[in-house]
PDB file of N, CA and C in Angstrom:
ATOM      1  N   MET A   1     -43.244 -28.140  -4.367  1.00  0.00           N
ATOM      2  CA  MET A   1     -43.297 -26.994  -3.356  1.00  0.00           C
ATOM      3  C   MET A   1     -42.930 -27.157  -1.971  1.00  0.00           C
ATOM      4  N   PHE A   2     -43.459 -28.396  -1.563  1.00  0.00           N
ATOM      5  CA  PHE A   2     -42.789 -28.913  -0.130  1.00  0.00           C
ATOM      6  C   PHE A   2     -42.021 -29.992  -0.286  1.00  0.00           C
ATOM      7  N   CYS A   3     -41.005 -30.408   0.769  1.00  0.00           N
ATOM      8  CA  CYS A   3     -40.841 -31.554   0.827  1.00  0.00           C
ATOM      9  C   CYS A   3     -41.243 -32.010   2.222  1.00  0.00           C
ATOM     10  N   THR A   4     -41.025 -33.385   2.219  1.00  0.00           N
ATOM     11  CA  THR A   4     -41.659 -34.053   3.541  1.00  0.00           C
ATOM     12  C   THR A   4     -40.683 -33.957   4.390  1.00  0.00           C
ATOM     13  N   MET A   5     -40.801 -33.590   5.685  1.00  0.00           N
ATOM     14  CA  MET A   5     -40.096 -33.553   6.598  1.00  0.00           C
ATOM     15  C   MET A   5     -40.027 -34.804   7.430  1.00  0.00           C
ATOM     16  N   PRO A   6     -38.840 -35.149   7.865  1.00  0.00           N
ATOM     17  CA  PRO A   6     -38.735 -36.201   8.999  1.00  0.00           C
ATOM     18  C   PRO A   6     -39.031 -36.035   9.885  1.00  0.00           C
ATOM     19  N   ARG A   7     -39.707 -36.927  10.806  1.00  0.00           N
ATOM     20  CA  ARG A   7     -40.495 -36.880  12.149  1.00  0.00           C
ATOM     21  C   ARG A   7     -39.238 -36.344  12.625  1.00  0.00           C
ATOM     22  N   GLY A   8     -39.662 -35.340  14.062  1.00  0.00           N
ATOM     23  CA  GLY A   8     -38.695 -34.770  14.833  1.00  0.00           C
ATOM     24  C   GLY A   8     -38.372 -33.543  14.527  1.00  0.00           C
ATOM     25  N   THR A   9     -38.447 -33.221  13.465  1.00  0.00           N
ATOM     26  CA  THR A   9     -38.020 -31.571  12.847  1.00  0.00           C
ATOM     27  C   THR A   9     -39.081 -30.702  13.473  1.00  0.00           C
ATOM     28  N   ASP A  10     -38.594 -29.473  13.350  1.00  0.00           N
ATOM     29  CA  ASP A  10     -39.451 -28.228  13.477  1.00  0.00           C
ATOM     30  C   ASP A  10     -40.423 -28.023  12.398  1.00  0.00           C
ATOM     31  N   GLU A  11     -39.640 -28.273  11.179  1.00  0.00           N
ATOM     32  CA  GLU A  11     -40.473 -28.203   9.615  1.00  0.00           C
ATOM     33  C   GLU A  11     -41.802 -28.749   9.792  1.00  0.00           C
ATOM     34  N   VAL A  12     -42.775 -28.432   9.002  1.00  0.00           N
ATOM     35  CA  VAL A  12     -43.738 -29.038   8.802  1.00  0.00           C
ATOM     36  C   VAL A  12     -43.975 -29.688   6.998  1.00  0.00           C
ATOM     37  N   SER A  13     -44.532 -30.871   6.927  1.00  0.00           N
ATOM     38  CA  SER A  13     -44.822 -31.374   5.861  1.00  0.00           C
ATOM     39  C   SER A  13     -45.841 -30.240   5.163  1.00  0.00           C
ATOM     40  N   GLU A  14     -45.974 -30.762   3.645  1.00  0.00           N
ATOM     41  CA  GLU A  14     -47.398 -30.340   2.982  1.00  0.00           C
ATOM     42  C   GLU A  14     -48.569 -30.621   3.811  1.00  0.00           C
ATOM     43  N   PRO A  15     -48.926 -31.725   3.958  1.00  0.00           N
ATOM     44  CA  PRO A  15     -50.149 -32.186   4.764  1.00  0.00           C
ATOM     45  C   PRO A  15     -50.237 -31.963   6.028  1.00  0.00           C
ATOM     46  N   MET A  16     -49.140 -31.552   6.792  1.00  0.00           N
ATOM     47  CA  MET A  16     -49.154 -30.847   8.223  1.00  0.00           C
ATOM     48  C   MET A  16     -49.498 -29.256   7.816  1.00  0.00           C
ATOM     49  N   TYR A  17     -48.993 -28.887   6.916  1.00  0.00           N
ATOM     50  CA  TYR A  17     -49.304 -27.394   6.779  1.00  0.00           C
ATOM     51  C   TYR A  17     -50.688 -26.822   6.562  1.00  0.00           C
ATOM     52  N   TYR A  18     -51.270 -27.992   5.546  1.00  0.00           N
ATOM     53  CA  TYR A  18     -52.592 -27.855   5.356  1.00  0.00           C
ATOM     54  C   TYR A  18     -53.494 -28.215   6.568  1.00  0.00           C
ATOM     55  N   VAL A  19     -53.101 -29.028   7.243  1.00  0.00           N
ATOM     56  CA  VAL A  19     -53.838 -29.268   8.475  1.00  0.00           C
ATOM     57  C   VAL A  19     -53.978 -28.199   9.268  1.00  0.00           C
ATOM     58  N   LEU A  20     -52.853 -27.615   9.744  1.00  0.00           N
ATOM     59  CA  LEU A  20     -52.600 -26.433  10.636  1.00  0.00           C
ATOM     60  C   LEU A  20     -53.692 -25.239   9.630  1.00  0.00           C
ATOM     61  N   ALA A  21     -53.769 -25.008   8.457  1.00  0.00           N
ATOM     62  CA  ALA A  21     -54.299 -23.935   7.816  1.00  0.00           C
ATOM     63  C   ALA A  21     -55.676 -24.266   7.841  1.00  0.00           C
ATOM     64  N   ALA A  22     -56.450 -25.396   7.994  1.00  0.00           N
ATOM     65  CA  ALA A  22     -57.565 -25.764   8.020  1.00  0.00           C
ATOM     66  C   ALA A  22     -58.306 -25.337   9.579  1.00  0.00           C
ATOM     67  N   LEU A  23     -57.110 -25.693  10.408  1.00  0.00           N
ATOM     68  CA  LEU A  23     -57.454 -25.232  12.012  1.00  0.00           C
ATOM     69  C   LEU A  23     -57.552 -23.802  12.075  1.00  0.00           C
ATOM     70  N   LEU A  24     -57.114 -22.842  11.167  1.00  0.00           N
ATOM     71  CA  LEU A  24     -57.208 -22.003  11.663  1.00  0.00           C
ATOM     72  C   LEU A  24     -58.618 -20.918  11.579  1.00  0.00           C
ATOM     73  N   ASP A  25     -59.197 -22.351  11.102  1.00  0.00           N
ATOM     74  CA  ASP A  25     -61.162 -21.840  11.153  1.00  0.00           C
ATOM     75  C   ASP A  25     -61.651 -22.024  12.457  1.00  0.00           C
ATOM     76  N   GLY A  26     -60.920 -22.584  13.071  1.00  0.00           N
ATOM     77  CA  GLY A  26     -61.662 -22.908  14.560  1.00  0.00           C
ATOM     78  C   GLY A  26     -61.535 -24.603  14.728  1.00  0.00           C
ATOM     79  N   PRO A  27     -61.862 -24.926  16.273  1.00  0.00           N
ATOM     80  CA  PRO A  27     -61.880 -26.287  16.299  1.00  0.00           C
ATOM     81  C   PRO A  27     -62.278 -27.141  14.915  1.00  0.00           C
ATOM     82  N   MET A  28     -62.028 -28.430  14.914  1.00  0.00           N
ATOM     83  CA  MET A  28     -62.793 -29.248  13.999  1.00  0.00           C
ATOM     84  C   MET A  28     -62.458 -30.795  14.432  1.00  0.00           C
ATOM     85  N   HIS A  29     -63.403 -31.614  13.908  1.00  0.00           N
ATOM     86  CA  HIS A  29     -62.901 -33.276  13.951  1.00  0.00           C
ATOM     87  C   HIS A  29     -62.321 -33.459  12.937  1.00  0.00           C
ATOM     88  N   GLY A  30     -61.714 -34.792  12.950  1.00  0.00           N
ATOM     89  CA  GLY A  30     -60.969 -35.482  12.006  1.00  0.00           C
ATOM     90  C   GLY A  30     -61.263 -35.085  10.591  1.00  0.00           C
ATOM     91  N   HIS A  31     -63.025 -35.980  10.740  1.00  0.00           N
ATOM     92  CA  HIS A  31     -63.541 -35.922   9.008  1.00  0.00           C
ATOM     93  C   HIS A  31     -63.617 -34.392   8.431  1.00  0.00           C
ATOM     94  N   ALA A  32     -63.700 -33.461   9.259  1.00  0.00           N
ATOM     95  CA  ALA A  32     -63.943 -32.251   8.924  1.00  0.00           C
ATOM     96  C   ALA A  32     -62.544 -31.403   8.271  1.00  0.00           C
ATOM     97  N   ILE A  33     -61.706 -31.726   9.069  1.00  0.00           N
ATOM     98  CA  ILE A  33     -60.400 -31.738   8.691  1.00  0.00           C
ATOM     99  C   ILE A  33     -59.865 -32.449   7.322  1.00  0.00           C
ATOM    100  N   MET A  34     -59.936 -33.478   7.195  1.00  0.00           N
ATOM    101  CA  MET A  34     -60.050 -34.171   6.001  1.00  0.00           C
ATOM    102  C   MET A  34     -60.350 -33.469   4.800  1.00  0.00           C
ATOM    103  N   GLY A  35     -61.513 -33.075   4.912  1.00  0.00           N
ATOM    104  CA  GLY A  35     -62.423 -32.063   3.988  1.00  0.00           C
ATOM    105  C   GLY A  35     -61.786 -31.145   3.730  1.00  0.00           C
ATOM    106  N   VAL A  36     -61.367 -30.030   4.450  1.00  0.00           N
ATOM    107  CA  VAL A  36     -60.906 -28.873   4.545  1.00  0.00           C
ATOM    108  C   VAL A  36     -59.782 -28.840   3.786  1.00  0.00           C
ATOM    109  N   VAL A  37     -58.604 -29.720   4.121  1.00  0.00           N
ATOM    110  CA  VAL A  37     -57.344 -29.877   3.940  1.00  0.00           C
ATOM    111  C   VAL A  37     -57.474 -30.406   2.067  1.00  0.00           C
ATOM    112  N   THR A  38     -58.324 -31.371   1.817  1.00  0.00           N
ATOM    113  CA  THR A  38     -58.631 -31.547   0.164  1.00  0.00           C
ATOM    114  C   THR A  38     -58.978 -30.427  -0.149  1.00  0.00           C
ATOM    115  N   GLU A  39     -59.990 -29.504   0.304  1.00  0.00           N
ATOM    116  CA  GLU A  39     -60.392 -28.397  -0.455  1.00  0.00           C
ATOM    117  C   GLU A  39     -59.300 -27.412  -0.447  1.00  0.00           C
ATOM    118  N   LEU A  40     -58.522 -27.014   0.577  1.00  0.00           N
ATOM    119  CA  LEU A  40     -57.667 -25.825   0.642  1.00  0.00           C
ATOM    120  C   LEU A  40     -56.283 -26.065  -0.275  1.00  0.00           C
ATOM    121  N   SER A  41     -56.147 -27.373  -0.499  1.00  0.00           N
ATOM    122  CA  SER A  41     -55.106 -28.223  -1.404  1.00  0.00           C
ATOM    123  C   SER A  41     -55.263 -28.059  -2.955  1.00  0.00           C
ATOM    124  N   GLY A  42     -56.650 -27.908  -2.955  1.00  0.00           N
ATOM    125  CA  GLY A  42     -56.854 -28.218  -4.718  1.00  0.00           C
ATOM    126  C   GLY A  42     -57.067 -29.673  -5.305  1.00  0.00           C
ATOM    127  N   GLY A  43     -57.275 -30.514  -3.874  1.00  0.00           N
ATOM    128  CA  GLY A  43     -57.544 -31.785  -4.340  1.00  0.00           C
ATOM    129  C   GLY A  43     -55.920 -32.618  -4.159  1.00  0.00           C
ATOM    130  N   ARG A  44     -55.352 -31.903  -4.155  1.00  0.00           N
ATOM    131  CA  ARG A  44     -53.816 -32.535  -4.080  1.00  0.00           C
ATOM    132  C   ARG A  44     -53.399 -33.344  -2.711  1.00  0.00           C
ATOM    133  N   VAL A  45     -53.871 -32.887  -1.639  1.00  0.00           N
ATOM    134  CA  VAL A  45     -53.361 -33.671  -0.623  1.00  0.00           C
ATOM    135  C   VAL A  45     -54.662 -34.014  -0.131  1.00  0.00           C
ATOM    136  N   LYS A  46     -55.107 -35.354  -0.159  1.00  0.00           N
ATOM    137  CA  LYS A  46     -56.152 -36.367   0.460  1.00  0.00           C
ATOM    138  C   LYS A  46     -55.694 -37.201   1.293  1.00  0.00           C
ATOM    139  N   PRO A  47     -55.626 -36.512   2.439  1.00  0.00           N
ATOM    140  CA  PRO A  47     -55.167 -37.836   3.562  1.00  0.00           C
ATOM    141  C   PRO A  47     -55.657 -38.838   3.984  1.00  0.00           C
ATOM    142  N   SER A  48     -55.536 -39.803   3.927  1.00  0.00           N
ATOM    143  CA  SER A  48     -56.325 -41.136   4.538  1.00  0.00           C
ATOM    144  C   SER A  48     -56.558 -40.867   6.167  1.00  0.00           C
ATOM    145  N   VAL A  49     -57.806 -41.808   6.687  1.00  0.00           N
ATOM    146  CA  VAL A  49     -57.994 -41.700   8.090  1.00  0.00           C
ATOM    147  C   VAL A  49     -56.595 -41.751   9.005  1.00  0.00           C
ATOM    148  N   GLY A  50     -55.912 -43.019   8.592  1.00  0.00           N
ATOM    149  CA  GLY A  50     -54.815 -43.459   9.305  1.00  0.00           C
ATOM    150  C   GLY A  50     -53.541 -42.340   9.227  1.00  0.00           C
ATOM    151  N   THR A  51     -53.257 -41.480   8.033  1.00  0.00           N
ATOM    152  CA  THR A  51     -52.714 -40.650   7.672  1.00  0.00           C
ATOM    153  C   THR A  51     -52.822 -39.103   8.855  1.00  0.00           C
ATOM    154  N   LEU A  52     -53.854 -39.157   8.486  1.00  0.00           N
ATOM    155  CA  LEU A  52     -54.426 -37.781   9.320  1.00  0.00           C
ATOM    156  C   LEU A  52     -54.218 -37.805  10.699  1.00  0.00           C
ATOM    157  N   TYR A  53     -54.539 -39.231  11.506  1.00  0.00           N
ATOM    158  CA  TYR A  53     -54.220 -39.188  12.616  1.00  0.00           C
ATOM    159  C   TYR A  53     -52.741 -39.089  13.000  1.00  0.00           C
ATOM    160  N   GLY A  54     -51.956 -39.974  12.217  1.00  0.00           N
ATOM    161  CA  GLY A  54     -50.808 -39.658  12.412  1.00  0.00           C
ATOM    162  C   GLY A  54     -49.900 -38.101  12.565  1.00  0.00           C
ATOM    163  N   ILE A  55     -50.842 -37.494  11.608  1.00  0.00           N
ATOM    164  CA  ILE A  55     -50.372 -35.957  11.438  1.00  0.00           C
ATOM    165  C   ILE A  55     -50.801 -35.353  12.611  1.00  0.00           C
ATOM    166  N   LEU A  56     -52.017 -35.615  13.225  1.00  0.00           N
ATOM    167  CA  LEU A  56     -52.443 -35.045  14.266  1.00  0.00           C
ATOM    168  C   LEU A  56     -51.765 -35.269  15.569  1.00  0.00           C
ATOM    169  N   GLU A  57     -51.312 -36.431  15.519  1.00  0.00           N
ATOM    170  CA  GLU A  57     -50.319 -36.942  16.616  1.00  0.00           C
ATOM    171  C   GLU A  57     -49.073 -36.203  16.643  1.00  0.00           C
ATOM    172  N   ARG A  58     -48.382 -35.846  15.765  1.00  0.00           N
ATOM    173  CA  ARG A  58     -47.293 -35.449  15.422  1.00  0.00           C
ATOM    174  C   ARG A  58     -47.115 -33.925  15.822  1.00  0.00           C
ATOM    175  N   LEU A  59     -48.370 -33.131  15.026  1.00  0.00           N
ATOM    176  CA  LEU A  59     -48.748 -31.892  15.426  1.00  0.00           C
ATOM    177  C   LEU A  59     -48.958 -31.619  16.843  1.00  0.00           C
ATOM    178  N   SER A  60     -49.618 -32.557  17.434  1.00  0.00           N
ATOM    179  CA  SER A  60     -50.008 -32.333  19.040  1.00  0.00           C
ATOM    180  C   SER A  60     -48.797 -32.714  19.666  1.00  0.00           C
ATOM    181  N   ASP A  61     -47.668 -33.884  19.225  1.00  0.00           N
ATOM    182  CA  ASP A  61     -46.637 -34.206  19.803  1.00  0.00           C
ATOM    183  C   ASP A  61     -45.552 -32.799  20.425  1.00  0.00           C
ATOM    184  N   ARG A  62     -45.905 -31.919  18.840  1.00  0.00           N
ATOM    185  CA  ARG A  62     -45.052 -30.795  18.760  1.00  0.00           C
ATOM    186  C   ARG A  62     -45.702 -29.337  19.623  1.00  0.00           C
ATOM    187  N   GLY A  63     -46.933 -29.527  19.899  1.00  0.00           N
ATOM    188  CA  GLY A  63     -47.476 -28.489  20.669  1.00  0.00           C
ATOM    189  C   GLY A  63     -48.150 -27.376  19.796  1.00  0.00           C
ATOM    190  N   MET A  64     -48.350 -27.756  18.374  1.00  0.00           N
ATOM    191  CA  MET A  64     -49.138 -26.952  17.446  1.00  0.00           C
ATOM    192  C   MET A  64     -50.569 -26.861  17.228  1.00  0.00           C
ATOM    193  N   ILE A  65     -51.066 -28.076  17.886  1.00  0.00           N
ATOM    194  CA  ILE A  65     -52.395 -28.328  18.236  1.00  0.00           C
ATOM    195  C   ILE A  65     -52.790 -29.161  19.417  1.00  0.00           C
ATOM    196  N   ALA A  66     -54.085 -28.770  19.948  1.00  0.00           N
ATOM    197  CA  ALA A  66     -54.525 -29.600  21.256  1.00  0.00           C
ATOM    198  C   ALA A  66     -55.742 -29.988  20.913  1.00  0.00           C
ATOM    199  N   VAL A  67     -56.423 -30.886  21.829  1.00  0.00           N
ATOM    200  CA  VAL A  67     -57.752 -31.416  21.922  1.00  0.00           C
ATOM    201  C   VAL A  67     -58.506 -30.298  22.423  1.00  0.00           C
ATOM    202  N   ASP A  68     -59.302 -29.618  21.758  1.00  0.00           N
ATOM    203  CA  ASP A  68     -60.121 -28.800  22.407  1.00  0.00           C
ATOM    204  C   ASP A  68     -61.206 -29.201  23.261  1.00  0.00           C
ATOM    205  N   ARG A  69     -62.208 -30.668  22.574  1.00  0.00           N
ATOM    206  CA  ARG A  69     -63.114 -31.017  22.932  1.00  0.00           C
ATOM    207  C   ARG A  69     -63.550 -32.083  22.775  1.00  0.00           C
ATOM    208  N   GLU A  70     -64.093 -33.359  23.433  1.00  0.00           N
ATOM    209  CA  GLU A  70     -64.678 -34.671  22.888  1.00  0.00           C
ATOM    210  C   GLU A  70     -66.226 -34.430  22.898  1.00  0.00           C
ATOM    211  N   GLU A  71     -66.893 -35.306  21.874  1.00  0.00           N
ATOM    212  CA  GLU A  71     -68.332 -35.116  22.146  1.00  0.00           C
ATOM    213  C   GLU A  71     -68.889 -36.563  21.675  1.00  0.00           C
ATOM    214  N   PRO A  72     -69.904 -37.057  22.267  1.00  0.00           N
ATOM    215  CA  PRO A  72     -70.647 -38.375  21.908  1.00  0.00           C
ATOM    216  C   PRO A  72     -71.027 -38.546  20.976  1.00  0.00           C
ATOM    217  N   VAL A  73     -70.531 -39.092  19.843  1.00  0.00           N
ATOM    218  CA  VAL A  73     -71.768 -39.375  18.629  1.00  0.00           C
ATOM    219  C   VAL A  73     -71.903 -40.466  18.458  1.00  0.00           C
ATOM    220  N   GLY A  74     -72.695 -41.295  18.181  1.00  0.00           N
ATOM    221  CA  GLY A  74     -73.019 -42.493  18.014  1.00  0.00           C
ATOM    222  C   GLY A  74     -72.215 -43.504  19.021  1.00  0.00           C
ATOM    223  N   GLY A  75     -72.087 -43.582  20.111  1.00  0.00           N
ATOM    224  CA  GLY A  75     -71.711 -44.274  20.898  1.00  0.00           C
ATOM    225  C   GLY A  75     -70.120 -44.236  20.901  1.00  0.00           C
ATOM    226  N   ARG A  76     -69.588 -43.292  20.295  1.00  0.00           N
ATOM    227  CA  ARG A  76     -67.867 -43.125  20.302  1.00  0.00           C
ATOM    228  C   ARG A  76     -67.933 -41.516  20.532  1.00  0.00           C
ATOM    229  N   ASN A  77     -66.556 -41.153  21.234  1.00  0.00           N
ATOM    230  CA  ASN A  77     -66.261 -39.875  21.341  1.00  0.00           C
ATOM    231  C   ASN A  77     -65.679 -39.267  20.081  1.00  0.00           C
ATOM    232  N   ARG A  78     -66.145 -38.009  19.556  1.00  0.00           N
ATOM    233  CA  ARG A  78     -65.677 -37.461  18.572  1.00  0.00           C
ATOM    234  C   ARG A  78     -64.493 -36.191  19.108  1.00  0.00           C
ATOM    235  N   ARG A  79     -63.473 -36.381  18.515  1.00  0.00           N
ATOM    236  CA  ARG A  79     -61.971 -35.492  19.142  1.00  0.00           C
ATOM    237  C   ARG A  79     -62.423 -34.404  18.321  1.00  0.00           C
ATOM    238  N   TYR A  80     -62.516 -33.207  18.625  1.00  0.00           N
ATOM    239  CA  TYR A  80     -61.967 -32.279  18.044  1.00  0.00           C
ATOM    240  C   TYR A  80     -60.869 -31.331  18.379  1.00  0.00           C
ATOM    241  N   PHE A  81     -60.065 -30.828  17.354  1.00  0.00           N
ATOM    242  CA  PHE A  81     -58.895 -30.317  17.775  1.00  0.00           C
ATOM    243  C   PHE A  81     -58.591 -28.778  17.243  1.00  0.00           C
ATOM    244  N   ARG A  82     -57.595 -27.815  18.094  1.00  0.00           N
ATOM    245  CA  ARG A  82     -57.657 -26.804  17.526  1.00  0.00           C
ATOM    246  C   ARG A  82     -56.426 -26.463  17.653  1.00  0.00           C
ATOM    247  N   ILE A  83     -55.769 -25.117  16.482  1.00  0.00           N
ATOM    248  CA  ILE A  83     -54.534 -24.717  16.773  1.00  0.00           C
ATOM    249  C   ILE A  83     -54.340 -24.101  18.031  1.00  0.00           C
ATOM    250  N   THR A  84     -52.691 -24.429  18.069  1.00  0.00           N
ATOM    251  CA  THR A  84     -52.116 -23.702  19.537  1.00  0.00           C
ATOM    252  C   THR A  84     -51.474 -22.177  18.711  1.00  0.00           C
ATOM    253  N   ASP A  85     -51.037 -21.055  19.505  1.00  0.00           N
ATOM    254  CA  ASP A  85     -50.359 -20.223  19.219  1.00  0.00           C
ATOM    255  C   ASP A  85     -49.206 -20.725  18.635  1.00  0.00           C
ATOM    256  N   SER A  86     -48.665 -21.690  19.058  1.00  0.00           N
ATOM    257  CA  SER A  86     -47.085 -22.237  18.556  1.00  0.00           C
ATOM    258  C   SER A  86     -47.391 -22.621  17.063  1.00  0.00           C
ATOM    259  N   GLY A  87     -48.740 -23.403  16.717  1.00  0.00           N
ATOM    260  CA  GLY A  87     -49.028 -23.813  15.593  1.00  0.00           C
ATOM    261  C   GLY A  87     -49.306 -22.472  14.862  1.00  0.00           C
ATOM    262  N   THR A  88     -49.924 -21.696  15.187  1.00  0.00           N
ATOM    263  CA  THR A  88     -50.459 -20.538  14.568  1.00  0.00           C
ATOM    264  C   THR A  88     -49.058 -19.672  13.899  1.00  0.00           C
ATOM    265  N   THR A  89     -48.000 -19.597  14.742  1.00  0.00           N
ATOM    266  CA  THR A  89     -46.872 -18.964  14.334  1.00  0.00           C
ATOM    267  C   THR A  89     -46.252 -19.797  13.383  1.00  0.00           C
ATOM    268  N   VAL A  90     -45.902 -20.982  13.446  1.00  0.00           N
ATOM    269  CA  VAL A  90     -45.215 -22.077  12.525  1.00  0.00           C
ATOM    270  C   VAL A  90     -46.179 -21.808  10.951  1.00  0.00           C
ATOM    271  N   VAL A  91     -47.452 -21.921  11.246  1.00  0.00           N
ATOM    272  CA  VAL A  91     -47.851 -21.970   9.717  1.00  0.00           C
ATOM    273  C   VAL A  91     -48.017 -20.729   9.088  1.00  0.00           C
ATOM    274  N   GLU A  92     -48.144 -19.587  10.033  1.00  0.00           N
ATOM    275  CA  GLU A  92     -48.010 -18.293   9.339  1.00  0.00           C
ATOM    276  C   GLU A  92     -46.329 -17.905   8.906  1.00  0.00           C
ATOM    277  N   SER A  93     -45.186 -18.527   9.634  1.00  0.00           N
ATOM    278  CA  SER A  93     -44.131 -18.595   9.248  1.00  0.00           C
ATOM    279  C   SER A  93     -43.754 -19.147   7.949  1.00  0.00           C
ATOM    280  N   GLU A  94     -44.501 -20.329   7.993  1.00  0.00           N
ATOM    281  CA  GLU A  94     -44.279 -21.214   6.461  1.00  0.00           C
ATOM    282  C   GLU A  94     -45.038 -20.528   5.425  1.00  0.00           C
ATOM    283  N   ALA A  95     -45.940 -19.744   5.479  1.00  0.00           N
ATOM    284  CA  ALA A  95     -46.725 -19.149   4.430  1.00  0.00           C
ATOM    285  C   ALA A  95     -45.835 -17.792   4.218  1.00  0.00           C
ATOM    286  N   GLN A  96     -45.198 -17.027   5.002  1.00  0.00           N
ATOM    287  CA  GLN A  96     -44.085 -16.103   4.511  1.00  0.00           C
ATOM    288  C   GLN A  96     -43.110 -16.497   3.701  1.00  0.00           C
ATOM    289  N   ARG A  97     -42.679 -17.942   4.474  1.00  0.00           N
ATOM    290  CA  ARG A  97     -41.331 -18.355   3.471  1.00  0.00           C
ATOM    291  C   ARG A  97     -41.919 -18.866   2.206  1.00  0.00           C
ATOM    292  N   MET A  98     -42.921 -19.448   1.835  1.00  0.00           N
ATOM    293  CA  MET A  98     -43.406 -19.798   0.769  1.00  0.00           C
ATOM    294  C   MET A  98     -43.377 -18.461  -0.221  1.00  0.00           C
ATOM    295  N   LEU A  99     -43.989 -17.439   0.183  1.00  0.00           N
ATOM    296  CA  LEU A  99     -44.175 -16.176  -0.524  1.00  0.00           C
ATOM    297  C   LEU A  99     -42.843 -15.536  -0.555  1.00  0.00           C
ATOM    298  N   ARG A 100     -42.036 -15.512   0.079  1.00  0.00           N
ATOM    299  CA  ARG A 100     -40.618 -15.038  -0.495  1.00  0.00           C
ATOM    300  C   ARG A 100     -40.007 -16.016  -1.505  1.00  0.00           C
ATOM    301  N   ALA A 101     -40.155 -17.084  -1.366  1.00  0.00           N
ATOM    302  CA  ALA A 101     -39.617 -18.040  -2.606  1.00  0.00           C
ATOM    303  C   ALA A 101     -40.129 -17.815  -3.526  1.00  0.00           C
ATOM    304  N   ALA A 102     -41.736 -17.784  -3.501  1.00  0.00           N
ATOM    305  CA  ALA A 102     -42.478 -17.346  -5.042  1.00  0.00           C
ATOM    306  C   ALA A 102     -41.980 -16.217  -5.380  1.00  0.00           C
ATOM    307  N   THR A 103     -42.000 -15.452  -4.624  1.00  0.00           N
ATOM    308  CA  THR A 103     -41.870 -13.697  -5.099  1.00  0.00           C
ATOM    309  C   THR A 103     -40.269 -13.872  -5.848  1.00  0.00           C
ATOM    310  N   LEU A 104     -39.239 -14.364  -5.244  1.00  0.00           N
ATOM    311  CA  LEU A 104     -37.784 -14.756  -6.031  1.00  0.00           C
ATOM    312  C   LEU A 104     -38.253 -14.966  -7.438  1.00  0.00           C
ATOM    313  N   VAL A 105     -38.495 -16.228  -7.627  1.00  0.00           N
ATOM    314  CA  VAL A 105     -38.739 -16.802  -8.499  1.00  0.00           C
ATOM    315  C   VAL A 105     -39.609 -15.871  -9.712  1.00  0.00           C
ATOM    316  N   MET A 106     -40.599 -15.452  -9.216  1.00  0.00           N
ATOM    317  CA  MET A 106     -41.600 -14.873 -10.192  1.00  0.00           C
ATOM    318  C   MET A 106     -40.534 -13.333 -10.630  1.00  0.00           C
ATOM    319  N   LYS A 107     -39.685 -12.757  -9.753  1.00  0.00           N
ATOM    320  CA  LYS A 107     -39.258 -11.518 -10.051  1.00  0.00           C
ATOM    321  C   LYS A 107     -38.155 -11.917 -11.008  1.00  0.00           C
ATOM    322  N   ARG A 108     -37.305 -12.937 -10.852  1.00  0.00           N
ATOM    323  CA  ARG A 108     -36.329 -13.884 -11.762  1.00  0.00           C
ATOM    324  C   ARG A 108     -36.803 -14.195 -13.423  1.00  0.00           C
ATOM    325  N   THR A 109     -38.022 -14.495 -13.572  1.00  0.00           N
ATOM    326  CA  THR A 109     -38.599 -14.986 -14.706  1.00  0.00           C
ATOM    327  C   THR A 109     -39.528 -14.059 -15.385  1.00  0.00           C
ATOM    328  N   ALA A 110     -39.940 -12.806 -14.614  1.00  0.00           N
ATOM    329  CA  ALA A 110     -40.685 -11.681 -15.202  1.00  0.00           C
ATOM    330  C   ALA A 110     -39.509 -11.388 -16.386  1.00  0.00           C
ATOM    331  N   PRO A 111     -40.656 -10.952 -17.740  1.00  0.00           N
ATOM    332  CA  PRO A 111     -39.901 -10.489 -18.721  1.00  0.00           C
ATOM    333  C   PRO A 111     -39.377  -9.032 -18.344  1.00  0.00           C
ATOM    334  N   ALA A 112     -38.209  -8.749 -19.151  1.00  0.00           N
ATOM    335  CA  ALA A 112     -37.622  -7.455 -18.613  1.00  0.00           C
ATOM    336  C   ALA A 112     -37.956  -6.162 -19.081  1.00  0.00           C
TER     337      ALA A 112
END
């Protein structure tokens, strides 16, 4: 369904798409994001902590997410991320692109 896009492109990989989709629910910290991504993807996408933070860094560098706040938890700061307007536009555009692509295939494979 998706192909992984190299760094520096405007496209999003499948894990990035699910991170953005998860953040549509509101600001979340990394552990919560991992759980929602796994749930939304039906268990297909299960990012490790290192992979998730790399994705968050790339999305932040592209202006698609931002740090919402930090809260001290157990002597460490827990960082919450939120989707930006740009990120919302990207994830909505990608969803529309996938819908068009799926509709095209479904129409071509439907019995006559």
